[in-house]
Amino acid sequence: MIYLLQPILYKNIIYDIIKKNLLKHFTLKKIIVHQLHIINNKNNNAYFIIHDKHLKSWNGFNISKTIRQKDHNAHIILITNDLDYPKYYRSHIRFLSIIDLDSNQKEYEIQEILQYLINACR
């Protein structure tokens, strides 16, 4: 399963990028979750988590910690505009990738990660 965790009423740019790239390979069952609900199963899950430093009510970094505690095999991709790499490294969350939310290259980086995840599933 691939999950996108983002605040309610957040712009859907990342969702559109993921959807566009996955539709090339699969038909999607659309599920959008705006609350923290982690499914505990043996499958490899991928979580795209948005962490926007301007939103005080939403902390994607803490959500990443919670997911890692409950799903040790998950692929966690943090999409953030707070690029504090030492903080993320010292947290021992084991992010698959950290993507700059403000970068023009984010669509390409998400495409690369999705391609990696699709190839890993086959």
Protein backbone atom coordinates (compact mmCIF):
# COMPACT_ATOMS: atom_id res chain seq x y z
CA MET A 1 0.00 0.00 0.00
CA ILE A 2 1.08 3.53 -0.65
CA TYR A 3 -0.15 6.19 1.75
CA LEU A 4 -0.01 9.96 1.55
CA LEU A 5 -0.36 11.65 4.92
CA GLN A 6 -1.05 15.35 4.71
CA PRO A 7 -3.06 17.95 6.64
CA ILE A 8 -6.73 18.48 5.87
CA LEU A 9 -7.30 21.05 3.11
CA TYR A 10 -3.62 20.94 2.13
CA LYS A 11 -2.87 21.53 -1.55
CA ASN A 12 -2.99 18.30 -3.55
CA ILE A 13 0.20 18.78 -5.57
CA ILE A 14 1.95 15.72 -4.13
CA TYR A 15 -1.20 13.60 -4.44
CA ASP A 16 -1.52 14.56 -8.11
CA ILE A 17 2.12 13.65 -8.79
CA ILE A 18 1.76 10.25 -7.12
CA LYS A 19 -1.56 9.53 -8.81
CA LYS A 20 -0.29 10.51 -12.26
CA ASN A 21 2.76 8.27 -11.97
CA LEU A 22 0.97 5.27 -10.50
CA LEU A 23 -1.81 5.32 -13.09
CA LYS A 24 0.82 4.42 -15.67
CA HIS A 25 1.29 1.07 -13.90
CA PHE A 26 -1.85 0.27 -11.91
CA THR A 27 -5.51 1.04 -11.47
CA LEU A 28 -5.98 2.82 -8.17
CA LYS A 29 -8.47 2.45 -5.40
CA LYS A 30 -8.59 5.98 -4.05
CA ILE A 31 -8.26 6.25 -0.29
CA ILE A 32 -7.43 9.58 1.32
CA VAL A 33 -6.80 9.59 5.06
CA HIS A 34 -6.54 12.81 7.01
CA GLN A 35 -5.89 11.25 10.38
CA LEU A 36 -3.16 9.04 11.72
CA HIS A 37 -4.28 5.45 11.22
CA ILE A 38 -1.52 2.91 10.78
CA ILE A 39 -2.31 -0.56 9.55
CA ASN A 40 -0.19 -3.25 11.17
CA ASN A 41 0.42 -5.97 8.65
CA LYS A 42 3.34 -7.82 7.10
CA ASN A 43 3.19 -6.01 3.75
CA ASN A 44 5.73 -3.41 2.83
CA ASN A 45 3.95 -0.10 3.07
CA ALA A 46 5.20 3.19 1.67
CA TYR A 47 4.29 6.41 3.44
CA PHE A 48 4.69 9.81 1.80
CA ILE A 49 4.46 12.23 4.71
CA ILE A 50 4.25 15.99 4.30
CA HIS A 51 6.01 18.04 6.96
CA ASP A 52 5.44 21.77 6.42
CA LYS A 53 7.26 23.89 9.00
CA HIS A 54 4.68 26.67 8.57
CA LEU A 55 1.84 24.47 9.85
CA LYS A 56 2.04 24.33 13.63
CA SER A 57 -0.97 22.00 13.95
CA TRP A 58 0.60 19.29 11.75
CA ASN A 59 3.94 17.69 12.55
CA GLY A 60 4.90 15.21 9.87
CA PHE A 61 8.17 14.42 11.64
CA ASN A 62 6.37 13.14 14.75
CA ILE A 63 3.98 11.18 12.55
CA SER A 64 7.03 9.57 10.93
CA LYS A 65 8.32 8.53 14.36
CA THR A 66 4.98 6.96 15.24
CA ILE A 67 4.83 5.06 11.96
CA ARG A 68 8.37 3.74 12.40
CA GLN A 69 7.53 2.48 15.90
CA LYS A 70 4.49 0.58 14.61
CA ASP A 71 5.74 -0.52 11.18
CA HIS A 72 9.45 -1.38 11.23
CA ASN A 73 9.57 -2.41 7.56
CA ALA A 74 7.79 0.64 6.16
CA HIS A 75 9.32 2.83 3.49
CA ILE A 76 8.96 6.38 4.83
CA ILE A 77 9.45 9.32 2.50
CA LEU A 78 9.41 12.73 4.18
CA ILE A 79 8.42 15.66 1.97
CA THR A 80 9.43 18.78 3.86
CA ASN A 81 10.55 22.38 3.61
CA ASP A 82 12.57 22.01 6.83
CA LEU A 83 15.75 20.36 5.59
CA ASP A 84 17.57 19.65 8.85
CA TYR A 85 19.41 16.49 7.82
CA PRO A 86 21.34 16.00 11.11
CA LYS A 87 18.03 16.05 13.01
CA TYR A 88 16.51 13.44 10.69
CA TYR A 89 19.64 11.27 10.80
CA ARG A 90 19.84 11.35 14.60
CA SER A 91 16.18 10.40 14.91
CA HIS A 92 17.00 6.88 13.55
CA ILE A 93 13.71 6.78 11.66
CA ARG A 94 15.44 5.40 8.55
CA PHE A 95 13.79 7.52 5.88
CA LEU A 96 13.89 6.07 2.39
CA SER A 97 14.15 9.63 1.12
CA ILE A 98 13.77 13.24 2.20
CA ILE A 99 12.38 15.50 -0.52
CA ASP A 100 12.45 19.29 -0.51
CA LEU A 101 8.85 20.50 -0.62
CA ASP A 102 9.89 23.80 -2.23
CA SER A 103 12.14 22.25 -4.87
CA ASN A 104 11.36 22.28 -8.57
CA GLN A 105 12.79 18.75 -8.73
CA LYS A 106 10.27 17.19 -6.32
CA GLU A 107 8.17 15.68 -9.11
CA TYR A 108 11.21 13.96 -10.60
CA GLU A 109 12.33 12.70 -7.17
CA ILE A 110 8.87 11.31 -6.40
CA GLN A 111 8.82 9.60 -9.82
CA GLU A 112 12.16 7.96 -9.05
CA ILE A 113 10.96 6.71 -5.67
CA LEU A 114 7.72 5.37 -7.12
CA GLN A 115 9.67 3.56 -9.83
CA TYR A 116 11.89 2.02 -7.15
CA LEU A 117 8.84 0.91 -5.13
CA ILE A 118 7.11 -0.55 -8.20
CA ASN A 119 10.24 -2.49 -9.19
CA ALA A 120 10.65 -3.75 -5.62
CA CYS A 121 7.10 -5.15 -5.66
CA ARG A 122 7.62 -7.19 -8.82
